[in-house]
Amino acid sequence: MKLSELLQLWLIRILGHEGGEVDDPDDPGGHTKWGISKRSYPDLDISALTIEQAASIYMRDYAAPLRLWRFEDGVAFQLFDFAVNSGPRTAAKQLQEAVGVEPDGDIGPITLGAIAARSESDLVMLIIAERLDYMASLRTWPAHGRGWVRRMAENLRYGVEDTD
């Protein structure tokens, strides 16, 4: 599958995870639409946000900083989804934790070497395990943990599809 087709597939998955417009005062992101939050984008009219605009933000602010094209499809999707939920730097650091290198948030030669030493399916599972550990440590776990676990269960299913 070409990169452009993969990116479309990943965006469909992520938009499905994130859902439509939500204005939950108990959610740290506050007013969100397709996972784009007013807290992160205070100058953006969240209610007027289109899917195309959300996709553009995802590509520019979440996919591009991680340079996802460097990774196998299954790993790239997991990192992309993690970045959307927790930020690209957190996703990078947790990937580094997963492969046993110093978590500095910079995916450089040492991290890439540690990634190359693992199979794609092992990396997908390790990323999801690190992500669950990370989410369970957040103060918002009691309120959002059930939904996050469901998202991770779906990501495990995607991992099977992506690593065939």
N, C-alpha and C. Protein backbone atom coordinates (compact mmCIF):
# COMPACT_ATOMS: atom_id res chain seq x y z
N MET A 1 0.84 -1.17 0.00
CA MET A 1 0.00 0.00 0.00
C MET A 1 0.89 1.24 0.00
N LYS A 2 0.53 2.24 -0.81
CA LYS A 2 1.29 3.48 -0.88
C LYS A 2 1.11 4.27 0.41
N LEU A 3 2.10 5.12 0.70
CA LEU A 3 2.06 5.91 1.92
C LEU A 3 0.79 6.76 2.01
N SER A 4 0.38 7.37 0.91
CA SER A 4 -0.83 8.21 0.95
C SER A 4 -2.06 7.38 1.31
N GLU A 5 -2.14 6.14 0.82
CA GLU A 5 -3.26 5.26 1.17
C GLU A 5 -3.20 4.86 2.64
N LEU A 6 -1.99 4.57 3.12
CA LEU A 6 -1.81 4.23 4.53
C LEU A 6 -2.23 5.39 5.43
N LEU A 7 -1.81 6.59 5.08
CA LEU A 7 -2.16 7.75 5.89
C LEU A 7 -3.67 7.93 5.94
N GLN A 8 -4.34 7.72 4.84
CA GLN A 8 -5.81 7.81 4.82
C GLN A 8 -6.42 6.78 5.75
N LEU A 9 -5.94 5.55 5.68
CA LEU A 9 -6.43 4.48 6.55
C LEU A 9 -6.21 4.84 8.01
N TRP A 10 -5.01 5.31 8.33
CA TRP A 10 -4.69 5.67 9.71
C TRP A 10 -5.58 6.80 10.20
N LEU A 11 -5.82 7.79 9.36
CA LEU A 11 -6.69 8.90 9.74
C LEU A 11 -8.11 8.43 10.00
N ILE A 12 -8.60 7.53 9.17
CA ILE A 12 -9.94 6.97 9.38
C ILE A 12 -10.00 6.28 10.74
N ARG A 13 -8.99 5.50 11.06
CA ARG A 13 -8.94 4.80 12.35
C ARG A 13 -8.93 5.79 13.51
N ILE A 14 -8.05 6.78 13.41
CA ILE A 14 -7.90 7.74 14.50
C ILE A 14 -9.17 8.57 14.66
N LEU A 15 -9.73 9.04 13.57
CA LEU A 15 -10.98 9.80 13.67
C LEU A 15 -12.09 8.94 14.27
N GLY A 16 -12.07 7.64 13.97
CA GLY A 16 -13.04 6.73 14.59
C GLY A 16 -12.83 6.61 16.08
N HIS A 17 -11.56 6.56 16.51
CA HIS A 17 -11.25 6.54 17.94
C HIS A 17 -11.69 7.83 18.62
N GLU A 18 -11.40 8.94 17.99
CA GLU A 18 -11.60 10.23 18.61
C GLU A 18 -13.06 10.69 18.63
N GLY A 19 -13.82 10.25 17.62
CA GLY A 19 -15.23 10.62 17.59
C GLY A 19 -15.44 12.06 17.19
N GLY A 20 -16.67 12.50 17.35
CA GLY A 20 -17.06 13.85 16.94
C GLY A 20 -16.81 14.88 18.02
N GLU A 21 -17.72 15.82 18.12
CA GLU A 21 -17.55 16.94 19.03
C GLU A 21 -17.98 16.57 20.45
N VAL A 22 -17.12 16.94 21.41
CA VAL A 22 -17.39 16.68 22.82
C VAL A 22 -16.97 17.93 23.60
N ASP A 23 -17.82 18.35 24.51
CA ASP A 23 -17.47 19.48 25.37
C ASP A 23 -17.67 19.01 26.81
N ASP A 24 -16.69 18.28 27.31
CA ASP A 24 -16.75 17.68 28.65
C ASP A 24 -15.86 18.50 29.59
N PRO A 25 -16.44 19.20 30.55
CA PRO A 25 -15.62 20.01 31.46
C PRO A 25 -14.66 19.18 32.31
N ASP A 26 -14.92 17.87 32.46
CA ASP A 26 -14.03 17.01 33.23
C ASP A 26 -12.88 16.47 32.41
N ASP A 27 -12.92 16.64 31.09
CA ASP A 27 -11.86 16.16 30.22
C ASP A 27 -10.75 17.21 30.19
N PRO A 28 -9.49 16.78 30.37
CA PRO A 28 -8.40 17.75 30.36
C PRO A 28 -8.32 18.55 29.06
N GLY A 29 -8.75 17.97 27.94
CA GLY A 29 -8.70 18.69 26.66
C GLY A 29 -9.81 19.71 26.52
N GLY A 30 -10.85 19.55 27.36
CA GLY A 30 -11.99 20.46 27.25
C GLY A 30 -12.76 20.20 25.98
N HIS A 31 -13.15 21.27 25.31
CA HIS A 31 -13.93 21.19 24.08
C HIS A 31 -13.07 20.58 22.97
N THR A 32 -13.51 19.44 22.43
CA THR A 32 -12.77 18.77 21.36
C THR A 32 -13.69 18.40 20.21
N LYS A 33 -13.09 18.24 19.07
CA LYS A 33 -13.78 17.70 17.89
C LYS A 33 -12.77 16.90 17.12
N TRP A 34 -13.09 15.64 16.88
CA TRP A 34 -12.19 14.69 16.22
C TRP A 34 -10.83 14.65 16.92
N GLY A 35 -10.84 14.85 18.23
CA GLY A 35 -9.63 14.77 19.02
C GLY A 35 -8.80 16.03 19.04
N ILE A 36 -9.21 17.05 18.31
CA ILE A 36 -8.50 18.34 18.33
C ILE A 36 -9.12 19.17 19.45
N SER A 37 -8.28 19.56 20.42
CA SER A 37 -8.83 20.22 21.61
C SER A 37 -8.60 21.72 21.61
N LYS A 38 -9.54 22.40 22.24
CA LYS A 38 -9.43 23.85 22.43
C LYS A 38 -8.21 24.18 23.28
N ARG A 39 -7.89 23.30 24.23
CA ARG A 39 -6.72 23.53 25.09
C ARG A 39 -5.45 23.58 24.25
N SER A 40 -5.32 22.65 23.29
CA SER A 40 -4.12 22.61 22.45
C SER A 40 -4.14 23.64 21.33
N TYR A 41 -5.33 24.02 20.88
CA TYR A 41 -5.48 24.96 19.77
C TYR A 41 -6.46 26.06 20.18
N PRO A 42 -6.04 26.95 21.09
CA PRO A 42 -6.97 27.94 21.66
C PRO A 42 -7.54 28.93 20.63
N ASP A 43 -6.86 29.15 19.53
CA ASP A 43 -7.33 30.11 18.53
C ASP A 43 -8.22 29.47 17.46
N LEU A 44 -8.46 28.18 17.59
CA LEU A 44 -9.23 27.45 16.58
C LEU A 44 -10.69 27.37 17.00
N ASP A 45 -11.59 27.61 16.06
CA ASP A 45 -13.02 27.44 16.32
C ASP A 45 -13.33 25.95 16.24
N ILE A 46 -13.34 25.28 17.37
CA ILE A 46 -13.49 23.83 17.42
C ILE A 46 -14.81 23.40 16.80
N SER A 47 -15.88 24.10 17.07
CA SER A 47 -17.19 23.70 16.53
C SER A 47 -17.23 23.74 15.02
N ALA A 48 -16.46 24.64 14.41
CA ALA A 48 -16.46 24.78 12.95
C ALA A 48 -15.39 23.91 12.28
N LEU A 49 -14.61 23.18 13.06
CA LEU A 49 -13.52 22.37 12.52
C LEU A 49 -14.06 21.29 11.57
N THR A 50 -13.47 21.21 10.38
CA THR A 50 -13.86 20.17 9.43
C THR A 50 -12.95 18.95 9.57
N ILE A 51 -13.39 17.84 9.02
CA ILE A 51 -12.55 16.64 9.03
C ILE A 51 -11.25 16.91 8.28
N GLU A 52 -11.31 17.63 7.19
CA GLU A 52 -10.12 17.94 6.41
C GLU A 52 -9.13 18.76 7.23
N GLN A 53 -9.64 19.74 7.99
CA GLN A 53 -8.76 20.54 8.84
C GLN A 53 -8.14 19.68 9.94
N ALA A 54 -8.96 18.82 10.54
CA ALA A 54 -8.44 17.92 11.59
C ALA A 54 -7.34 17.03 11.01
N ALA A 55 -7.58 16.47 9.83
CA ALA A 55 -6.58 15.60 9.20
C ALA A 55 -5.29 16.37 8.93
N SER A 56 -5.41 17.60 8.49
CA SER A 56 -4.23 18.44 8.23
C SER A 56 -3.44 18.69 9.52
N ILE A 57 -4.15 18.97 10.59
CA ILE A 57 -3.49 19.17 11.89
C ILE A 57 -2.79 17.89 12.33
N TYR A 58 -3.47 16.76 12.19
CA TYR A 58 -2.86 15.49 12.57
C TYR A 58 -1.58 15.24 11.79
N MET A 59 -1.60 15.50 10.50
CA MET A 59 -0.42 15.24 9.67
C MET A 59 0.72 16.19 10.05
N ARG A 60 0.41 17.47 10.19
CA ARG A 60 1.43 18.48 10.47
C ARG A 60 2.01 18.36 11.88
N ASP A 61 1.13 18.18 12.87
CA ASP A 61 1.57 18.29 14.27
C ASP A 61 1.84 16.96 14.97
N TYR A 62 1.40 15.87 14.37
CA TYR A 62 1.55 14.57 15.04
C TYR A 62 2.33 13.55 14.20
N ALA A 63 2.01 13.44 12.92
CA ALA A 63 2.70 12.48 12.07
C ALA A 63 4.08 12.98 11.64
N ALA A 64 4.14 14.21 11.13
CA ALA A 64 5.40 14.75 10.61
C ALA A 64 6.52 14.81 11.65
N PRO A 65 6.26 15.27 12.88
CA PRO A 65 7.37 15.32 13.85
C PRO A 65 7.99 13.95 14.13
N LEU A 66 7.21 12.89 14.01
CA LEU A 66 7.73 11.54 14.26
C LEU A 66 8.37 10.93 13.01
N ARG A 67 8.20 11.58 11.87
CA ARG A 67 8.71 11.06 10.59
C ARG A 67 8.33 9.58 10.44
N LEU A 68 7.04 9.36 10.42
CA LEU A 68 6.48 8.01 10.44
C LEU A 68 6.93 7.12 9.30
N TRP A 69 7.33 7.71 8.18
CA TRP A 69 7.76 6.91 7.02
C TRP A 69 9.00 6.07 7.32
N ARG A 70 9.67 6.33 8.43
CA ARG A 70 10.87 5.56 8.80
C ARG A 70 10.53 4.19 9.39
N PHE A 71 9.27 3.97 9.71
CA PHE A 71 8.87 2.78 10.44
C PHE A 71 8.00 1.86 9.60
N GLU A 72 7.97 0.61 9.99
CA GLU A 72 7.04 -0.32 9.36
C GLU A 72 5.62 0.11 9.70
N ASP A 73 4.68 -0.28 8.85
CA ASP A 73 3.30 0.21 8.94
C ASP A 73 2.68 0.05 10.32
N GLY A 74 2.80 -1.13 10.92
CA GLY A 74 2.17 -1.37 12.21
C GLY A 74 2.74 -0.49 13.30
N VAL A 75 4.04 -0.29 13.30
CA VAL A 75 4.70 0.57 14.28
C VAL A 75 4.31 2.02 14.03
N ALA A 76 4.32 2.44 12.78
CA ALA A 76 3.99 3.82 12.43
C ALA A 76 2.58 4.18 12.90
N PHE A 77 1.61 3.29 12.65
CA PHE A 77 0.25 3.60 13.08
C PHE A 77 0.17 3.73 14.60
N GLN A 78 0.79 2.80 15.32
CA GLN A 78 0.73 2.85 16.79
C GLN A 78 1.34 4.15 17.32
N LEU A 79 2.46 4.57 16.74
CA LEU A 79 3.09 5.82 17.16
C LEU A 79 2.21 7.03 16.84
N PHE A 80 1.61 7.00 15.66
CA PHE A 80 0.73 8.09 15.23
C PHE A 80 -0.45 8.21 16.19
N ASP A 81 -1.10 7.10 16.48
CA ASP A 81 -2.26 7.13 17.38
C ASP A 81 -1.84 7.57 18.78
N PHE A 82 -0.69 7.10 19.25
CA PHE A 82 -0.17 7.49 20.56
C PHE A 82 0.08 9.00 20.57
N ALA A 83 0.69 9.52 19.52
CA ALA A 83 0.99 10.95 19.44
C ALA A 83 -0.29 11.78 19.49
N VAL A 84 -1.31 11.33 18.79
CA VAL A 84 -2.59 12.05 18.80
C VAL A 84 -3.15 12.12 20.22
N ASN A 85 -3.04 11.04 20.96
CA ASN A 85 -3.56 10.99 22.32
C ASN A 85 -2.68 11.74 23.32
N SER A 86 -1.37 11.66 23.18
CA SER A 86 -0.48 12.12 24.25
C SER A 86 0.63 13.05 23.80
N GLY A 87 0.69 13.34 22.52
CA GLY A 87 1.74 14.21 21.99
C GLY A 87 2.89 13.41 21.40
N PRO A 88 3.52 13.95 20.35
CA PRO A 88 4.60 13.23 19.68
C PRO A 88 5.81 12.95 20.58
N ARG A 89 6.15 13.88 21.47
CA ARG A 89 7.32 13.68 22.33
C ARG A 89 7.06 12.53 23.32
N THR A 90 5.87 12.48 23.88
CA THR A 90 5.53 11.38 24.78
C THR A 90 5.55 10.06 24.03
N ALA A 91 4.98 10.04 22.82
CA ALA A 91 4.98 8.81 22.02
C ALA A 91 6.41 8.36 21.74
N ALA A 92 7.29 9.31 21.39
CA ALA A 92 8.69 8.97 21.12
C ALA A 92 9.37 8.43 22.37
N LYS A 93 9.16 9.07 23.51
CA LYS A 93 9.80 8.62 24.75
C LYS A 93 9.31 7.23 25.15
N GLN A 94 8.02 6.98 24.98
CA GLN A 94 7.49 5.67 25.36
C GLN A 94 7.96 4.59 24.39
N LEU A 95 8.15 4.93 23.12
CA LEU A 95 8.77 3.99 22.17
C LEU A 95 10.17 3.66 22.65
N GLN A 96 10.91 4.67 23.07
CA GLN A 96 12.27 4.43 23.56
C GLN A 96 12.27 3.55 24.80
N GLU A 97 11.33 3.78 25.70
CA GLU A 97 11.19 2.90 26.87
C GLU A 97 10.93 1.47 26.41
N ALA A 98 10.07 1.32 25.41
CA ALA A 98 9.68 -0.01 24.92
C ALA A 98 10.87 -0.79 24.37
N VAL A 99 11.82 -0.07 23.75
CA VAL A 99 12.97 -0.77 23.15
C VAL A 99 14.21 -0.69 24.03
N GLY A 100 14.07 -0.13 25.23
CA GLY A 100 15.16 -0.16 26.20
C GLY A 100 16.28 0.84 25.98
N VAL A 101 15.96 2.01 25.40
CA VAL A 101 16.99 3.05 25.27
C VAL A 101 16.58 4.26 26.11
N GLU A 102 17.54 5.14 26.35
CA GLU A 102 17.29 6.33 27.16
C GLU A 102 16.16 7.16 26.54
N PRO A 103 15.11 7.41 27.29
CA PRO A 103 13.95 8.13 26.74
C PRO A 103 14.15 9.65 26.72
N ASP A 104 14.75 10.13 25.63
CA ASP A 104 14.99 11.57 25.50
C ASP A 104 14.03 12.23 24.52
N GLY A 105 13.18 11.44 23.88
CA GLY A 105 12.22 11.98 22.93
C GLY A 105 12.76 12.21 21.54
N ASP A 106 14.04 11.92 21.32
CA ASP A 106 14.67 12.09 20.02
C ASP A 106 14.91 10.71 19.41
N ILE A 107 14.17 10.39 18.38
CA ILE A 107 14.32 9.09 17.74
C ILE A 107 15.46 9.18 16.74
N GLY A 108 16.66 8.92 17.25
CA GLY A 108 17.87 9.00 16.45
C GLY A 108 18.44 7.62 16.18
N PRO A 109 19.71 7.55 15.81
CA PRO A 109 20.33 6.29 15.41
C PRO A 109 20.29 5.19 16.48
N ILE A 110 20.46 5.57 17.74
CA ILE A 110 20.45 4.55 18.80
C ILE A 110 19.06 3.92 18.90
N THR A 111 18.03 4.77 18.91
CA THR A 111 16.66 4.26 18.97
C THR A 111 16.34 3.44 17.73
N LEU A 112 16.70 3.95 16.56
CA LEU A 112 16.41 3.23 15.32
C LEU A 112 17.12 1.87 15.29
N GLY A 113 18.33 1.82 15.85
CA GLY A 113 19.04 0.53 15.94
C GLY A 113 18.32 -0.44 16.85
N ALA A 114 17.82 0.05 17.97
CA ALA A 114 17.07 -0.82 18.90
C ALA A 114 15.76 -1.28 18.27
N ILE A 115 15.14 -0.42 17.48
CA ILE A 115 13.91 -0.79 16.78
C ILE A 115 14.21 -1.88 15.75
N ALA A 116 15.30 -1.73 15.03
CA ALA A 116 15.67 -2.69 13.98
C ALA A 116 15.93 -4.08 14.55
N ALA A 117 16.25 -4.16 15.82
CA ALA A 117 16.54 -5.46 16.45
C ALA A 117 15.28 -6.22 16.86
N ARG A 118 14.12 -5.63 16.65
CA ARG A 118 12.84 -6.25 17.05
C ARG A 118 11.97 -6.48 15.82
N SER A 119 11.09 -7.45 15.94
CA SER A 119 10.12 -7.66 14.86
C SER A 119 9.03 -6.60 14.95
N GLU A 120 8.37 -6.37 13.85
CA GLU A 120 7.28 -5.39 13.81
C GLU A 120 6.19 -5.76 14.80
N SER A 121 5.80 -7.03 14.83
CA SER A 121 4.72 -7.43 15.75
C SER A 121 5.14 -7.27 17.20
N ASP A 122 6.39 -7.57 17.53
CA ASP A 122 6.87 -7.36 18.90
C ASP A 122 6.83 -5.87 19.25
N LEU A 123 7.23 -5.03 18.33
CA LEU A 123 7.22 -3.59 18.59
C LEU A 123 5.81 -3.07 18.81
N VAL A 124 4.86 -3.54 18.01
CA VAL A 124 3.46 -3.12 18.20
C VAL A 124 3.00 -3.48 19.60
N MET A 125 3.27 -4.70 20.03
CA MET A 125 2.84 -5.11 21.37
C MET A 125 3.56 -4.31 22.45
N LEU A 126 4.85 -4.08 22.28
CA LEU A 126 5.61 -3.32 23.27
C LEU A 126 5.12 -1.87 23.36
N ILE A 127 4.82 -1.26 22.24
CA ILE A 127 4.30 0.12 22.24
C ILE A 127 2.96 0.17 22.97
N ILE A 128 2.08 -0.76 22.67
CA ILE A 128 0.78 -0.76 23.34
C ILE A 128 0.94 -1.01 24.84
N ALA A 129 1.85 -1.91 25.22
CA ALA A 129 2.09 -2.16 26.65
C ALA A 129 2.60 -0.89 27.34
N GLU A 130 3.57 -0.20 26.72
CA GLU A 130 4.08 1.04 27.30
C GLU A 130 2.98 2.09 27.38
N ARG A 131 2.16 2.13 26.36
CA ARG A 131 1.08 3.11 26.33
C ARG A 131 0.08 2.86 27.45
N LEU A 132 -0.27 1.60 27.66
CA LEU A 132 -1.19 1.27 28.76
C LEU A 132 -0.57 1.64 30.11
N ASP A 133 0.70 1.31 30.31
CA ASP A 133 1.38 1.71 31.55
C ASP A 133 1.35 3.23 31.73
N TYR A 134 1.65 3.93 30.66
CA TYR A 134 1.65 5.39 30.71
C TYR A 134 0.25 5.93 31.07
N MET A 135 -0.77 5.46 30.38
CA MET A 135 -2.13 5.94 30.63
C MET A 135 -2.60 5.61 32.04
N ALA A 136 -2.25 4.43 32.52
CA ALA A 136 -2.66 4.03 33.87
C ALA A 136 -2.02 4.90 34.93
N SER A 137 -0.91 5.58 34.60
CA SER A 137 -0.24 6.45 35.56
C SER A 137 -0.86 7.85 35.60
N LEU A 138 -1.73 8.17 34.68
CA LEU A 138 -2.31 9.51 34.60
C LEU A 138 -3.43 9.68 35.63
N ARG A 139 -3.58 10.88 36.14
CA ARG A 139 -4.63 11.14 37.13
C ARG A 139 -6.03 11.00 36.53
N THR A 140 -6.13 11.07 35.20
CA THR A 140 -7.43 10.96 34.55
C THR A 140 -7.81 9.50 34.24
N TRP A 141 -6.96 8.55 34.63
CA TRP A 141 -7.24 7.14 34.38
C TRP A 141 -8.61 6.71 34.92
N PRO A 142 -8.97 7.06 36.15
CA PRO A 142 -10.27 6.60 36.67
C PRO A 142 -11.45 7.02 35.79
N ALA A 143 -11.38 8.20 35.24
CA ALA A 143 -12.49 8.69 34.41
C ALA A 143 -12.44 8.18 32.98
N HIS A 144 -11.24 7.97 32.43
CA HIS A 144 -11.11 7.67 31.01
C HIS A 144 -10.49 6.31 30.70
N GLY A 145 -10.05 5.61 31.72
CA GLY A 145 -9.34 4.34 31.52
C GLY A 145 -10.12 3.32 30.71
N ARG A 146 -11.41 3.19 30.99
CA ARG A 146 -12.21 2.20 30.26
C ARG A 146 -12.19 2.47 28.75
N GLY A 147 -12.36 3.72 28.38
CA GLY A 147 -12.33 4.07 26.96
C GLY A 147 -10.95 3.86 26.35
N TRP A 148 -9.92 4.20 27.11
CA TRP A 148 -8.56 4.00 26.61
C TRP A 148 -8.25 2.52 26.42
N VAL A 149 -8.71 1.69 27.34
CA VAL A 149 -8.48 0.24 27.20
C VAL A 149 -9.19 -0.28 25.95
N ARG A 150 -10.39 0.20 25.70
CA ARG A 150 -11.10 -0.20 24.48
C ARG A 150 -10.32 0.23 23.23
N ARG A 151 -9.77 1.41 23.28
CA ARG A 151 -8.96 1.89 22.15
C ARG A 151 -7.75 0.98 21.95
N MET A 152 -7.09 0.60 23.04
CA MET A 152 -5.92 -0.27 22.93
C MET A 152 -6.31 -1.66 22.43
N ALA A 153 -7.48 -2.15 22.84
CA ALA A 153 -7.95 -3.45 22.33
C ALA A 153 -8.13 -3.36 20.82
N GLU A 154 -8.71 -2.27 20.35
CA GLU A 154 -8.88 -2.08 18.90
C GLU A 154 -7.52 -1.95 18.22
N ASN A 155 -6.58 -1.28 18.87
CA ASN A 155 -5.24 -1.14 18.29
C ASN A 155 -4.52 -2.48 18.22
N LEU A 156 -4.76 -3.37 19.17
CA LEU A 156 -4.20 -4.72 19.07
C LEU A 156 -4.75 -5.43 17.83
N ARG A 157 -6.04 -5.25 17.58
CA ARG A 157 -6.63 -5.85 16.36
C ARG A 157 -6.00 -5.24 15.11
N TYR A 158 -5.83 -3.91 15.11
CA TYR A 158 -5.17 -3.27 13.99
C TYR A 158 -3.75 -3.79 13.82
N GLY A 159 -3.08 -4.03 14.94
CA GLY A 159 -1.71 -4.56 14.90
C GLY A 159 -1.64 -5.88 14.18
N VAL A 160 -2.64 -6.73 14.37
CA VAL A 160 -2.69 -8.01 13.66
C VAL A 160 -2.83 -7.76 12.16
N GLU A 161 -3.72 -6.84 11.78
CA GLU A 161 -3.90 -6.52 10.36
C GLU A 161 -2.63 -5.92 9.76
N ASP A 162 -2.00 -5.05 10.51
CA ASP A 162 -0.87 -4.28 9.96
C ASP A 162 0.43 -5.08 9.88
N THR A 163 0.54 -6.15 10.63
CA THR A 163 1.81 -6.89 10.67
C THR A 163 1.74 -8.22 9.94
N ASP A 164 0.67 -8.45 9.18
CA ASP A 164 0.58 -9.69 8.39
C ASP A 164 1.57 -9.69 7.25
